[in-house]
Protein backbone atom coordinates (compact mmCIF):
# COMPACT_ATOMS: atom_id res chain seq x y z
CA MET A 1 -11.51 -27.29 28.19
CA SER A 2 -10.00 -26.60 24.59
CA GLY A 3 -13.39 -25.92 23.19
CA PRO A 4 -16.49 -27.27 22.65
CA LEU A 5 -15.61 -30.87 21.72
CA SER A 6 -12.55 -31.70 23.64
CA GLY A 7 -12.87 -35.30 24.12
CA TYR A 8 -14.93 -36.34 20.82
CA ARG A 9 -12.59 -37.90 18.46
CA GLY A 10 -12.70 -38.70 14.96
CA LEU A 11 -11.18 -41.56 12.80
CA VAL A 12 -11.14 -39.96 9.24
CA LEU A 13 -10.39 -40.40 6.18
CA THR A 14 -10.95 -37.41 4.16
CA GLN A 15 -9.03 -34.91 1.57
CA ALA A 16 -8.97 -32.82 -0.94
CA TRP A 17 -11.54 -29.40 0.52
CA ALA A 18 -14.96 -30.70 1.20
CA GLY A 19 -14.34 -33.48 3.50
CA ALA A 20 -10.42 -31.86 4.97
CA PHE A 21 -12.31 -28.37 5.88
CA CYS A 22 -15.46 -30.41 7.11
CA THR A 23 -13.35 -32.39 9.66
CA GLU A 24 -10.63 -28.86 10.27
CA LEU A 25 -13.52 -26.99 11.57
CA LEU A 26 -14.10 -30.47 13.96
CA GLY A 27 -10.73 -30.24 14.84
CA MET A 28 -10.30 -26.09 15.55
CA MET A 29 -13.64 -27.05 18.17
CA GLY A 30 -11.97 -29.06 19.73
CA ALA A 31 -12.54 -32.54 18.84
CA GLU A 32 -8.92 -35.31 18.50
CA ILE A 33 -9.15 -35.58 14.43
CA ILE A 34 -7.10 -38.96 13.41
CA GLN A 35 -6.56 -38.63 9.55
CA VAL A 36 -5.46 -41.79 7.61
CA GLU A 37 -3.65 -41.28 4.54
CA VAL A 38 -2.73 -43.74 1.86
CA ARG A 39 1.19 -43.45 0.48
CA LYS A 40 0.00 -45.59 -2.90
CA ARG A 41 -2.44 -42.87 -3.31
CA PRO A 42 -1.18 -39.71 -1.61
CA ASP A 43 -4.17 -36.32 -1.12
CA SER A 44 -4.77 -34.86 -4.25
CA TRP A 45 -4.32 -31.28 -2.06
CA ARG A 46 -0.37 -32.71 -1.02
CA GLY A 47 0.65 -33.15 -4.38
CA GLY A 48 2.05 -36.26 -6.05
CA TYR A 49 5.26 -37.17 -4.70
CA ASP A 50 7.66 -35.52 -8.03
CA ALA A 51 6.21 -32.84 -7.28
CA PRO A 52 8.59 -29.71 -7.13
CA LEU A 53 8.48 -27.62 -4.27
CA ALA A 54 6.99 -24.51 -4.10
CA PRO A 55 9.62 -21.41 -4.94
CA ARG A 56 9.11 -19.78 -1.45
CA VAL A 57 9.69 -23.02 0.57
CA ALA A 58 11.64 -24.16 -1.80
CA GLY A 59 14.80 -22.17 -0.39
CA ARG A 60 14.16 -23.45 3.25
CA SER A 61 16.75 -25.96 4.42
CA GLU A 62 13.53 -27.91 6.48
CA ALA A 63 11.46 -28.22 3.34
CA GLN A 64 12.36 -31.58 2.30
CA HIS A 65 9.71 -33.28 0.55
CA PRO A 66 7.20 -31.37 -1.85
CA TRP A 67 4.03 -34.01 -0.59
CA ASN A 68 4.56 -32.30 3.26
CA ASN A 69 4.89 -28.30 1.61
CA SER A 70 1.56 -28.19 -0.56
CA GLY A 71 -0.02 -24.39 0.80
CA LEU A 72 -3.24 -26.27 -0.40
CA PHE A 73 -3.40 -29.42 2.34
CA ASN A 74 -1.64 -27.38 4.58
CA ALA A 75 -4.20 -24.45 4.92
CA VAL A 76 -7.71 -27.11 5.01
CA ASN A 77 -5.85 -29.74 7.77
CA LEU A 78 -4.95 -27.89 10.53
CA ASN A 79 -5.29 -29.55 13.84
CA LYS A 80 -5.49 -32.96 12.92
CA GLN A 81 -2.70 -35.92 13.29
CA SER A 82 -2.18 -37.62 10.43
CA ILE A 83 -1.12 -42.09 10.41
CA THR A 84 -1.07 -43.76 7.28
CA LEU A 85 -2.10 -47.14 6.69
CA ASP A 86 -3.16 -49.63 3.39
CA LEU A 87 -6.19 -49.93 3.59
CA GLN A 88 -6.06 -53.09 1.10
CA THR A 89 -3.87 -55.24 3.01
CA GLU A 90 -5.21 -57.60 5.37
CA ALA A 91 -2.75 -55.67 8.28
CA GLY A 92 -3.93 -52.49 7.12
CA MET A 93 -7.47 -52.86 7.59
CA ALA A 94 -7.38 -54.93 10.99
CA ILE A 95 -5.73 -51.82 12.56
CA PHE A 96 -8.55 -49.84 11.34
CA LYS A 97 -10.80 -51.87 12.67
CA ARG A 98 -8.91 -52.06 16.06
CA LEU A 99 -9.05 -48.11 16.20
CA LEU A 100 -12.59 -47.88 15.02
CA PRO A 101 -13.92 -48.30 18.71
CA GLU A 102 -11.86 -45.37 19.69
CA ALA A 103 -13.69 -42.87 16.98
CA ASP A 104 -16.65 -41.15 17.57
CA PHE A 105 -17.74 -40.78 14.62
CA ILE A 106 -16.02 -41.50 10.99
CA ALA A 107 -15.96 -39.11 8.20
CA GLU A 108 -15.56 -39.53 4.52
CA ASN A 109 -15.87 -37.87 0.94
CA PHE A 110 -15.18 -40.88 -1.33
CA SER A 111 -17.18 -41.57 -4.06
CA PRO A 112 -20.49 -43.40 -2.78
CA ARG A 113 -19.17 -47.89 -3.45
CA VAL A 114 -15.78 -47.19 -1.87
CA LEU A 115 -16.21 -47.75 1.71
CA GLY A 116 -18.80 -50.73 0.68
CA ASN A 117 -15.58 -52.23 -1.52
CA LEU A 118 -13.29 -52.10 1.39
CA GLY A 119 -15.90 -53.76 3.43
CA ILE A 120 -16.18 -50.65 5.92
CA GLY A 121 -19.97 -49.51 5.12
CA TYR A 122 -22.00 -48.45 7.84
CA ASP A 123 -23.59 -51.57 8.77
CA ASP A 124 -19.81 -52.50 8.70
CA LEU A 125 -19.36 -50.45 10.83
CA CYS A 126 -22.13 -50.74 13.33
CA ALA A 127 -20.95 -54.21 13.54
CA ILE A 128 -17.95 -53.15 15.58
CA LYS A 129 -19.33 -49.70 17.38
CA PRO A 130 -23.23 -50.25 16.99
CA ASP A 131 -23.13 -45.74 18.03
CA ILE A 132 -20.52 -44.92 15.30
CA ILE A 133 -21.95 -41.88 13.33
CA LEU A 134 -20.71 -42.05 9.86
CA ALA A 135 -20.59 -39.04 7.79
CA SER A 136 -19.82 -39.39 3.92
CA LEU A 137 -19.62 -36.33 1.63
CA SER A 138 -20.09 -37.20 -2.07
CA ALA A 139 -20.95 -35.31 -5.32
CA TYR A 140 -23.79 -36.50 -5.98
CA GLY A 141 -25.26 -38.46 -2.53
CA ALA A 142 -25.49 -42.39 -2.32
CA THR A 143 -28.42 -42.57 -3.69
CA GLY A 144 -30.09 -41.16 -7.22
CA PRO A 145 -29.52 -41.11 -10.64
CA TYR A 146 -26.15 -39.51 -9.91
CA PHE A 147 -24.75 -41.44 -7.22
CA ASN A 148 -22.24 -43.55 -9.13
CA VAL A 149 -20.72 -40.03 -10.73
CA PRO A 150 -17.80 -38.49 -9.16
CA GLY A 151 -17.20 -34.87 -9.01
CA ILE A 152 -15.64 -31.63 -7.61
CA GLY A 153 -16.88 -28.31 -6.91
CA GLY A 154 -15.59 -27.02 -10.11
CA THR A 155 -18.25 -29.69 -11.50
CA ILE A 156 -20.96 -29.85 -9.27
CA GLU A 157 -21.33 -25.47 -10.15
CA PRO A 158 -22.86 -26.10 -13.10
CA THR A 159 -24.92 -29.17 -12.54
CA SER A 160 -26.19 -26.93 -9.14
CA GLY A 161 -27.52 -24.75 -11.83
CA MET A 162 -24.96 -21.91 -10.12
CA SER A 163 -23.12 -21.49 -13.23
CA GLY A 164 -26.46 -20.18 -14.75
CA LEU A 165 -26.21 -17.23 -11.97
CA LEU A 166 -22.28 -16.20 -12.79
CA GLY A 167 -21.18 -14.21 -15.56
CA TYR A 168 -22.47 -11.15 -16.77
CA GLU A 169 -25.79 -10.33 -18.30
CA ASP A 170 -26.61 -12.12 -21.56
CA GLY A 171 -23.00 -13.81 -21.50
CA ARG A 172 -21.97 -17.20 -21.28
CA PRO A 173 -22.40 -18.86 -17.57
CA LEU A 174 -18.97 -18.96 -16.03
CA ASN A 175 -17.76 -21.40 -13.00
CA SER A 176 -16.75 -19.48 -9.54
CA GLY A 177 -12.80 -20.18 -10.18
CA SER A 178 -12.79 -21.17 -6.35
CA MET A 179 -15.13 -24.09 -5.76
CA PHE A 180 -17.28 -22.78 -4.12
CA PRO A 181 -19.85 -26.19 -3.40
CA ASP A 182 -16.42 -27.48 -1.45
CA PRO A 183 -16.25 -25.01 1.69
CA THR A 184 -20.53 -25.04 1.28
CA ALA A 185 -20.88 -29.00 1.73
CA GLY A 186 -17.71 -28.79 4.37
CA TRP A 187 -19.81 -26.69 6.23
CA TYR A 188 -23.04 -28.78 6.21
CA GLY A 189 -21.26 -31.96 6.99
CA PHE A 190 -19.55 -30.18 10.23
CA ALA A 191 -23.01 -29.26 10.98
CA ALA A 192 -24.45 -32.48 10.27
CA ILE A 193 -21.39 -34.31 12.74
CA LEU A 194 -22.65 -31.21 15.65
CA ALA A 195 -25.87 -32.94 15.57
CA ALA A 196 -25.14 -36.06 15.06
CA LEU A 197 -23.12 -36.06 18.24
CA HIS A 198 -25.96 -34.15 20.11
CA HIS A 199 -28.76 -37.02 19.35
CA ARG A 200 -26.11 -39.50 20.00
CA GLU A 201 -26.04 -37.61 23.57
CA ARG A 202 -29.86 -37.43 23.81
CA THR A 203 -30.32 -41.06 22.77
CA GLY A 204 -27.47 -43.00 22.60
CA GLU A 205 -27.76 -43.93 18.39
CA GLY A 206 -25.53 -42.94 15.77
CA GLN A 207 -26.55 -42.43 12.71
CA TYR A 208 -24.68 -42.31 9.06
CA ILE A 209 -24.91 -39.05 7.24
CA ASP A 210 -25.08 -38.70 3.53
CA LEU A 211 -24.10 -35.51 2.44
CA SER A 212 -24.38 -34.60 -1.10
CA MET A 213 -22.54 -31.42 -2.16
CA MET A 214 -24.61 -30.07 -5.50
CA GLU A 215 -27.58 -30.31 -2.17
CA ALA A 216 -25.60 -28.53 -0.09
CA ASN A 217 -25.01 -26.09 -2.92
CA LEU A 218 -28.60 -25.20 -3.47
CA THR A 219 -28.13 -22.40 -0.45
CA VAL A 220 -26.38 -20.64 -3.00
CA VAL A 221 -28.96 -20.90 -5.62
CA GLY A 222 -31.97 -21.71 -3.34
CA GLU A 223 -34.08 -18.35 -4.45
CA ALA A 224 -33.44 -18.46 -7.83
CA ALA A 225 -34.31 -22.61 -7.08
CA LEU A 226 -37.60 -21.31 -5.34
CA GLU A 227 -38.32 -18.78 -8.19
CA TYR A 228 -38.17 -21.75 -11.09
CA ALA A 229 -40.13 -23.80 -8.67
CA LEU A 230 -43.34 -21.26 -8.20
CA THR A 231 -43.23 -19.16 -11.47
CA GLY A 232 -41.14 -21.36 -13.75
CA HIS A 233 -38.27 -18.37 -14.92
CA VAL A 234 -34.95 -19.53 -14.91
CA ARG A 235 -32.95 -16.91 -13.64
CA GLY A 236 -29.42 -16.08 -15.56
CA PRO A 237 -25.95 -13.90 -14.94
CA LEU A 238 -26.35 -9.82 -13.56
CA GLY A 239 -22.40 -9.54 -13.39
CA ASN A 240 -21.58 -7.69 -10.31
CA ARG A 241 -25.36 -5.85 -9.79
CA HIS A 242 -28.01 -6.51 -7.79
CA ARG A 243 -31.79 -7.32 -9.03
CA THR A 244 -33.29 -4.37 -6.27
CA PHE A 245 -30.40 -2.09 -6.14
CA ALA A 246 -28.94 0.92 -7.87
CA PRO A 247 -26.13 1.78 -7.88
CA HIS A 248 -24.70 -1.96 -7.36
CA GLY A 249 -21.55 -2.84 -8.56
CA ILE A 250 -17.22 -3.13 -9.06
CA TYR A 251 -15.79 -0.18 -10.13
CA PRO A 252 -11.97 0.87 -11.44
CA ALA A 253 -9.94 2.58 -8.56
CA ARG A 254 -6.53 4.41 -8.58
CA GLY A 255 -3.61 3.04 -7.27
CA GLN A 256 -1.62 0.00 -5.98
CA ALA A 257 -2.56 -1.02 -2.56
CA GLU A 258 0.35 -2.01 -0.20
CA GLY A 259 1.22 -5.75 0.34
CA GLY A 260 -1.19 -6.24 -3.07
CA ILE A 261 -0.39 -8.79 -5.54
CA ASP A 262 2.03 -5.98 -8.35
CA GLY A 263 0.73 -4.79 -11.65
CA HIS A 264 -3.13 -5.74 -10.76
CA GLU A 265 -5.18 -3.45 -11.28
CA GLN A 266 -7.70 -2.10 -8.45
CA TRP A 267 -11.38 -2.58 -7.57
CA ILE A 268 -13.59 -0.63 -5.27
CA ALA A 269 -17.07 -2.81 -4.44
CA LEU A 270 -19.71 -0.30 -3.39
CA ALA A 271 -23.35 -0.04 -3.55
CA ALA A 272 -26.62 1.95 -2.27
CA GLU A 273 -29.55 0.55 -0.94
CA SER A 274 -31.98 3.44 0.29
CA GLU A 275 -32.41 7.14 -1.53
CA SER A 276 -30.06 7.91 1.73
CA GLN A 277 -27.09 6.02 0.58
CA TRP A 278 -27.91 7.28 -3.03
CA ARG A 279 -27.47 11.11 -1.47
CA THR A 280 -24.24 10.55 0.64
CA LEU A 281 -22.65 8.94 -2.18
CA CYS A 282 -23.54 11.70 -4.61
CA ALA A 283 -21.95 14.26 -1.75
CA ILE A 284 -18.99 12.05 -1.18
CA ALA A 285 -18.06 11.76 -5.63
CA GLY A 286 -18.65 15.91 -5.38
CA ARG A 287 -21.31 15.10 -7.77
CA PRO A 288 -24.66 17.10 -6.38
CA GLU A 289 -25.92 16.95 -10.55
CA TRP A 290 -26.24 13.73 -10.29
CA LEU A 291 -29.49 14.26 -7.72
CA ASP A 292 -30.99 16.69 -10.23
CA ASP A 293 -30.31 13.99 -13.15
CA PRO A 294 -33.70 12.07 -14.21
CA ARG A 295 -31.91 9.16 -15.39
CA PHE A 296 -30.98 8.78 -11.44
CA VAL A 297 -33.35 10.96 -9.46
CA ASP A 298 -34.48 7.34 -8.02
CA ASN A 299 -34.07 4.12 -7.61
CA ALA A 300 -36.48 3.10 -10.45
CA ALA A 301 -35.13 5.43 -12.56
CA ARG A 302 -30.67 4.07 -11.69
CA LYS A 303 -31.99 0.64 -13.08
CA VAL A 304 -33.18 1.50 -15.99
CA HIS A 305 -30.18 4.14 -16.73
CA GLU A 306 -27.81 1.37 -15.16
CA ASP A 307 -25.53 1.59 -18.08
CA ASP A 308 -25.39 5.32 -18.36
CA LEU A 309 -25.16 5.03 -14.22
CA ASP A 310 -22.41 2.72 -13.71
CA ALA A 311 -20.00 4.76 -16.54
CA ALA A 312 -20.65 8.04 -14.86
CA LEU A 313 -19.72 5.87 -11.68
CA ARG A 314 -16.49 4.49 -13.35
CA ALA A 315 -15.37 8.31 -14.23
CA TRP A 316 -15.49 8.52 -10.76
CA THR A 317 -13.45 6.02 -9.15
CA SER A 318 -10.69 5.41 -11.63
CA ASP A 319 -9.46 8.88 -10.44
CA GLN A 320 -9.66 7.32 -6.81
CA PRO A 321 -7.84 5.47 -4.44
CA ARG A 322 -8.89 2.21 -3.20
CA ASP A 323 -8.94 1.94 0.12
CA ALA A 324 -9.40 6.00 1.35
CA LEU A 325 -12.35 6.01 -0.51
CA ALA A 326 -13.89 3.00 0.72
CA GLN A 327 -12.99 4.01 4.05
CA ARG A 328 -14.67 7.48 3.06
CA LEU A 329 -17.90 5.87 1.88
CA ALA A 330 -18.29 3.47 4.66
CA THR A 331 -17.31 5.61 7.26
CA ALA A 332 -20.29 7.94 6.31
CA GLY A 333 -22.48 4.74 5.93
CA VAL A 334 -22.32 3.65 2.21
CA PRO A 335 -21.67 0.53 1.70
CA ALA A 336 -17.95 -0.47 0.18
CA ALA A 337 -15.45 -1.77 0.23
CA PRO A 338 -12.18 -2.66 -1.48
CA VAL A 339 -11.46 -5.77 -3.35
CA LEU A 340 -9.14 -7.18 -1.82
CA ASP A 341 -6.32 -10.37 -3.58
CA ALA A 342 -5.28 -12.62 -2.05
CA LEU A 343 -2.14 -11.47 -0.32
CA GLU A 344 -4.29 -8.19 0.56
CA VAL A 345 -6.30 -11.05 2.42
CA ALA A 346 -3.93 -12.41 4.39
CA GLU A 347 -2.88 -9.21 5.70
CA ASP A 348 -6.42 -7.60 6.36
CA ALA A 349 -6.16 -5.37 9.15
CA VAL A 350 -9.46 -6.88 10.13
CA PHE A 351 -9.01 -10.61 9.43
CA ARG A 352 -5.76 -10.02 11.89
CA ALA A 353 -7.95 -8.49 14.92
CA ARG A 354 -10.26 -10.84 14.97
CA GLY A 355 -8.06 -14.20 14.70
CA LEU A 356 -9.52 -15.47 11.34
CA VAL A 357 -6.31 -14.48 10.23
CA THR A 358 -3.27 -16.19 12.16
CA GLU A 359 0.35 -17.35 11.86
CA VAL A 360 1.28 -20.64 12.19
CA THR A 361 4.54 -22.23 12.08
CA HIS A 362 4.81 -25.84 9.83
CA PRO A 363 8.27 -27.98 10.82
CA GLU A 364 8.62 -27.98 7.22
CA ALA A 365 7.35 -25.01 5.25
CA GLY A 366 7.81 -22.72 7.79
CA THR A 367 5.65 -19.95 8.97
CA TRP A 368 3.18 -18.35 6.91
CA PRO A 369 -0.69 -16.58 7.23
CA GLN A 370 -3.80 -19.47 7.55
CA ILE A 371 -6.88 -19.23 7.83
CA GLY A 372 -7.77 -20.22 11.44
CA VAL A 373 -11.48 -20.43 13.69
CA PRO A 374 -14.23 -18.37 11.92
CA PHE A 375 -16.43 -17.95 15.09
CA ARG A 376 -15.85 -17.21 18.69
CA LEU A 377 -17.08 -18.64 21.60
CA ALA A 378 -17.00 -17.28 24.74
CA ARG A 379 -16.69 -19.96 27.12
CA THR A 380 -15.16 -23.08 25.26
CA PRO A 381 -12.98 -20.61 22.70
CA ALA A 382 -12.15 -23.00 19.26
CA ALA A 383 -8.44 -22.58 18.63
CA VAL A 384 -6.05 -23.12 15.95
CA THR A 385 -3.55 -25.62 18.31
CA ARG A 386 -1.19 -27.28 15.83
CA ALA A 387 0.06 -26.74 11.83
CA ALA A 388 -1.04 -29.45 9.29
CA PRO A 389 0.51 -32.89 9.55
CA LEU A 390 3.52 -34.25 8.38
CA GLN A 391 2.82 -37.03 5.90
CA GLY A 392 2.10 -40.47 9.18
CA GLU A 393 3.84 -38.35 11.31
CA HIS A 394 1.38 -39.36 13.94
CA THR A 395 1.39 -43.04 13.00
CA ALA A 396 3.63 -44.58 15.77
CA GLU A 397 2.39 -42.64 18.40
CA VAL A 398 -1.34 -43.17 17.77
CA LEU A 399 -1.25 -46.92 17.26
CA ALA A 400 1.10 -47.09 20.92
CA ARG A 401 -1.44 -44.89 22.56
CA PHE A 402 -4.77 -46.88 21.74
CA LEU A 403 -3.54 -50.46 20.59
CA GLY A 404 0.00 -50.79 22.98
CA THR A 405 2.20 -51.13 18.96
CA SER A 406 6.03 -51.13 19.82
CA ALA A 407 8.66 -49.73 17.90
CA ALA A 408 9.79 -52.98 16.78
CA GLU A 409 6.12 -53.93 15.76
CA TYR A 410 5.46 -50.49 14.15
CA GLN A 411 8.66 -51.02 11.97
CA GLU A 412 7.56 -54.70 10.46
CA LEU A 413 4.36 -52.43 9.28
CA VAL A 414 7.12 -49.63 7.87
CA ARG A 415 8.92 -53.12 6.66
CA GLN A 416 5.65 -54.50 4.95
CA GLY A 417 4.24 -51.69 3.20
CA VAL A 418 1.30 -51.48 5.46
CA THR A 419 2.08 -47.53 7.17
CA GLY A 420 4.82 -45.47 6.80
CA SER A 421 5.30 -42.05 4.95
CA GLY A 422 6.92 -40.88 1.74
CA PRO A 423 6.75 -43.43 -1.67
CA PRO A 424 6.29 -46.53 -1.05
CA ASP A 425 8.47 -48.95 -2.59
């Protein structure tokens, strides 16, 4: 077996991040993921047909098509095959319905009305394959007052309350800048499909999974939501501080780390969660006087005088080399880590050693580090086995394998605009 889901197959219409990440995880677990794309409306993470090539790939002779070279798309569609079908044509929909019996699950992240408008809502799918599993990942779910409101991670953050917890104390709410609800919803969709497959193995029944990104993001704000439900108190942002511990923050450091983004400041994250860790921190800092300072004598005093504490720590860390200091602190048992920029994350030794960051060769974009499997399975290893697909790369092969479509029949479908690749004629 190449993974615990080897032998399962998904026919998926996911795109952008949440749905694409969900189905990528299933592909890493060994499921065969057949991505259905539409040429008239390419995946937003592929980019537009007239988009320029990214500078880092523009010099490659193989990099012919911008929509096959998007770093966003290629990062979350590993281990997938791509077919193109125009589901608004009679022929395209007929092919989709003929492929449906070959699938164990369908996944999509359109607005709730889309599948119904196409005539392939859950009941329609069940009429063709009664035990099908349909996972729908939408912004606010298929029911409720917001069901028809489109959304993405950047809009889910404020509506879920997450933005109210981000930012600095007494400052305005902020978004995370990284669309955090998308991967959160992806993880939930992944887990829900696993649970549905397990349920079907025991009962023979498929099911409909109605996943709301906003509800999934409750994981991130759950403690604050529970506090409000029990007490009526609305939490505000704390910056990089902790509600209980001090110190706990991000502090400036000296120097440019090798491999990082030129010109960026260097920062270190550190904390002391116990008096023992605080004493160790003072010793490494060479500041024994901090132990006797009444402002810092214990955690309660440090929380009261946290501004003074942070100022003292900044004055010390700003002249310390980031990586060496983080290693000294961590080795001594003080929670600490360098704050890495994007390029440094890709080169991080721990991520590389565990295989989380792995080199993947794409036929057009070339070889790049990609985020791989974020867990290890001893008996049924999950793995990255292929780069993200070119648009429509596998259409002819998939239709021939499952439907017996000949080369001539495939070319006729291309002529009709039902399938193919690149901008439609």
